[in-house]
Amino acid sequence: MKKLTYESVLDRLRDYQAMVIEYDACLLAYDEIQPRTQKPFSHFGTGATRNITAPQEIIAERREHTIRRLKNIMNLIEQKQDQTMELIEYADTFELQSILRLRYIHGKTIEETAELVFCSDATVKRKTEKAINSIVNNYNKNMIS
């Protein structure tokens, strides 16, 4: 196992957020595909050529691909969330863990986190840095022993 650094912990915390964003983008793509598949083609049955069903087939393929992608991303998100939660457990206090959970699991901004924990934005930034540093120290200390 490699020693953790501040940057590597930050990267691991941000990886989860990136997966959630990708999942949301796939959901949006899936929603965009849905209405088109339910509308009948007005020219269907009026001298149709062999290619009249091609748009429907392409949309069906895209929908199936998007569904598979959503399932894969959901599995990855669950794994990444578990890994992120384990990493957050290395923070010193429950308060620091809570701030990290709000920021990196629930995707809250610094301002939203400050409102939820009743402190200033600067305090949230400072405690986030302190929490990440404590994760680095505690993880590396446990790795050695």
Protein backbone atom coordinates (compact mmCIF):
# COMPACT_ATOMS: atom_id res chain seq x y z
CA MET A 1 0.00 0.00 0.00
CA LYS A 2 1.22 3.44 -0.88
CA LYS A 3 1.38 6.31 1.51
CA LEU A 4 -1.32 8.90 1.06
CA THR A 5 -0.67 12.55 0.35
CA TYR A 6 -3.00 15.53 0.63
CA GLU A 7 -3.48 15.58 -3.15
CA SER A 8 -4.17 11.85 -3.41
CA VAL A 9 -6.85 12.05 -0.70
CA LEU A 10 -8.42 15.03 -2.45
CA ASP A 11 -8.40 13.11 -5.75
CA ARG A 12 -10.10 10.11 -4.14
CA LEU A 13 -12.77 12.33 -2.61
CA ARG A 14 -13.40 14.08 -5.92
CA ASP A 15 -13.57 10.79 -7.88
CA TYR A 16 -16.88 9.96 -6.23
CA GLN A 17 -18.33 13.34 -7.19
CA ALA A 18 -17.20 12.86 -10.79
CA MET A 19 -19.01 9.52 -10.96
CA VAL A 20 -22.21 11.03 -9.61
CA ILE A 21 -22.00 13.79 -12.24
CA GLU A 22 -21.50 11.18 -14.97
CA TYR A 23 -24.50 9.23 -13.69
CA ASP A 24 -26.64 12.37 -13.75
CA ALA A 25 -25.54 13.04 -17.34
CA CYS A 26 -26.52 9.49 -18.34
CA LEU A 27 -29.91 9.91 -16.68
CA LEU A 28 -30.43 13.11 -18.64
CA ALA A 29 -29.48 11.34 -21.88
CA TYR A 30 -31.90 8.52 -21.05
CA ASP A 31 -34.70 11.02 -20.40
CA GLU A 32 -33.95 12.72 -23.72
CA ILE A 33 -34.24 9.42 -25.60
CA GLN A 34 -37.51 8.34 -23.98
CA PRO A 35 -40.06 10.74 -25.51
CA ARG A 36 -38.85 10.12 -29.05
CA THR A 37 -39.47 6.39 -28.85
CA GLN A 38 -43.08 6.84 -27.84
CA LYS A 39 -44.11 9.19 -30.68
CA PRO A 40 -45.37 7.37 -33.76
CA PHE A 41 -43.89 8.38 -37.08
CA SER A 42 -46.51 10.20 -39.13
CA HIS A 43 -45.28 8.73 -42.41
CA PHE A 44 -45.27 5.14 -41.17
CA GLY A 45 -47.27 2.88 -43.48
CA THR A 46 -47.52 5.32 -46.39
CA GLY A 47 -45.18 3.82 -48.95
CA ALA A 48 -42.56 3.05 -46.36
CA THR A 49 -39.12 2.06 -47.52
CA ARG A 50 -36.93 -0.56 -45.92
CA ASN A 51 -35.23 2.12 -43.83
CA ILE A 52 -38.35 3.48 -42.15
CA THR A 53 -37.64 1.59 -38.92
CA ALA A 54 -33.95 2.56 -38.83
CA PRO A 55 -34.52 5.64 -36.60
CA GLN A 56 -36.53 3.54 -34.16
CA GLU A 57 -33.84 0.86 -34.10
CA ILE A 58 -31.09 3.41 -33.52
CA ILE A 59 -33.03 4.97 -30.67
CA ALA A 60 -33.69 1.53 -29.16
CA GLU A 61 -29.96 0.72 -29.37
CA ARG A 62 -29.07 4.03 -27.73
CA ARG A 63 -31.59 3.41 -24.99
CA GLU A 64 -30.20 -0.08 -24.30
CA HIS A 65 -26.65 1.25 -24.30
CA THR A 66 -27.64 4.04 -21.91
CA ILE A 67 -29.39 1.58 -19.59
CA ARG A 68 -26.28 -0.64 -19.51
CA ARG A 69 -24.10 2.40 -18.85
CA LEU A 70 -26.38 3.54 -16.02
CA LYS A 71 -26.20 0.12 -14.38
CA ASN A 72 -22.40 0.04 -14.66
CA ILE A 73 -22.07 3.53 -13.24
CA MET A 74 -24.43 2.69 -10.36
CA ASN A 75 -22.23 -0.28 -9.41
CA LEU A 76 -19.11 1.88 -9.61
CA ILE A 77 -20.77 4.62 -7.56
CA GLU A 78 -21.67 2.16 -4.80
CA GLN A 79 -18.09 0.86 -4.68
CA LYS A 80 -16.61 4.36 -4.79
CA GLN A 81 -18.99 5.56 -2.07
CA ASP A 82 -17.92 2.71 0.20
CA GLN A 83 -14.25 3.51 -0.43
CA THR A 84 -14.85 7.21 0.19
CA MET A 85 -16.72 6.53 3.43
CA GLU A 86 -13.87 4.29 4.63
CA LEU A 87 -11.40 7.06 3.82
CA ILE A 88 -13.48 9.67 5.66
CA GLU A 89 -13.51 7.44 8.76
CA TYR A 90 -9.78 8.20 9.15
CA ALA A 91 -10.56 11.85 10.00
CA ASP A 92 -9.93 12.73 13.65
CA THR A 93 -13.32 13.86 14.93
CA PHE A 94 -16.95 13.33 14.06
CA GLU A 95 -17.24 17.03 13.20
CA LEU A 96 -14.49 16.76 10.58
CA GLN A 97 -16.03 13.57 9.21
CA SER A 98 -19.42 15.29 8.97
CA ILE A 99 -17.98 18.20 7.02
CA LEU A 100 -16.27 15.84 4.59
CA ARG A 101 -19.46 13.82 4.16
CA LEU A 102 -21.45 16.95 3.39
CA ARG A 103 -18.85 18.22 0.94
CA TYR A 104 -17.86 15.05 -0.87
CA ILE A 105 -20.68 12.52 -0.41
CA HIS A 106 -23.67 14.85 -0.53
CA GLY A 107 -22.01 17.29 -2.95
CA LYS A 108 -22.66 20.45 -0.93
CA THR A 109 -20.75 23.62 -1.71
CA ILE A 110 -18.68 25.42 0.89
CA GLU A 111 -21.49 27.95 1.40
CA GLU A 112 -24.17 25.25 1.79
CA THR A 113 -21.97 23.33 4.23
CA ALA A 114 -21.36 26.50 6.25
CA GLU A 115 -25.12 27.05 6.56
CA LEU A 116 -25.72 23.45 7.64
CA VAL A 117 -23.02 23.41 10.33
CA PHE A 118 -23.61 27.04 11.42
CA CYS A 119 -20.15 28.46 10.77
CA SER A 120 -18.41 30.71 8.27
CA ASP A 121 -17.13 29.74 4.83
CA ALA A 122 -13.54 30.22 6.00
CA THR A 123 -14.14 27.81 8.89
CA VAL A 124 -15.48 25.15 6.51
CA LYS A 125 -12.42 25.56 4.27
CA ARG A 126 -10.07 25.37 7.26
CA LYS A 127 -11.80 22.32 8.73
CA THR A 128 -11.86 20.58 5.33
CA GLU A 129 -8.09 21.04 5.04
CA LYS A 130 -7.63 19.91 8.64
CA ALA A 131 -9.78 16.82 8.01
CA ILE A 132 -7.84 15.86 4.89
CA ASN A 133 -4.54 16.33 6.70
CA SER A 134 -5.79 14.17 9.58
CA ILE A 135 -6.82 11.47 7.08
CA VAL A 136 -3.32 11.50 5.60
CA ASN A 137 -1.68 11.30 9.04
CA ASN A 138 -3.99 8.62 10.47
CA TYR A 139 -3.97 6.47 7.34
CA ASN A 140 -0.19 6.56 7.04
CA LYS A 141 0.20 5.92 10.79
CA ASN A 142 -2.09 2.85 10.60
CA MET A 143 -0.28 1.61 7.52
CA ILE A 144 3.06 1.62 9.37
CA SER A 145 1.77 -0.18 12.47
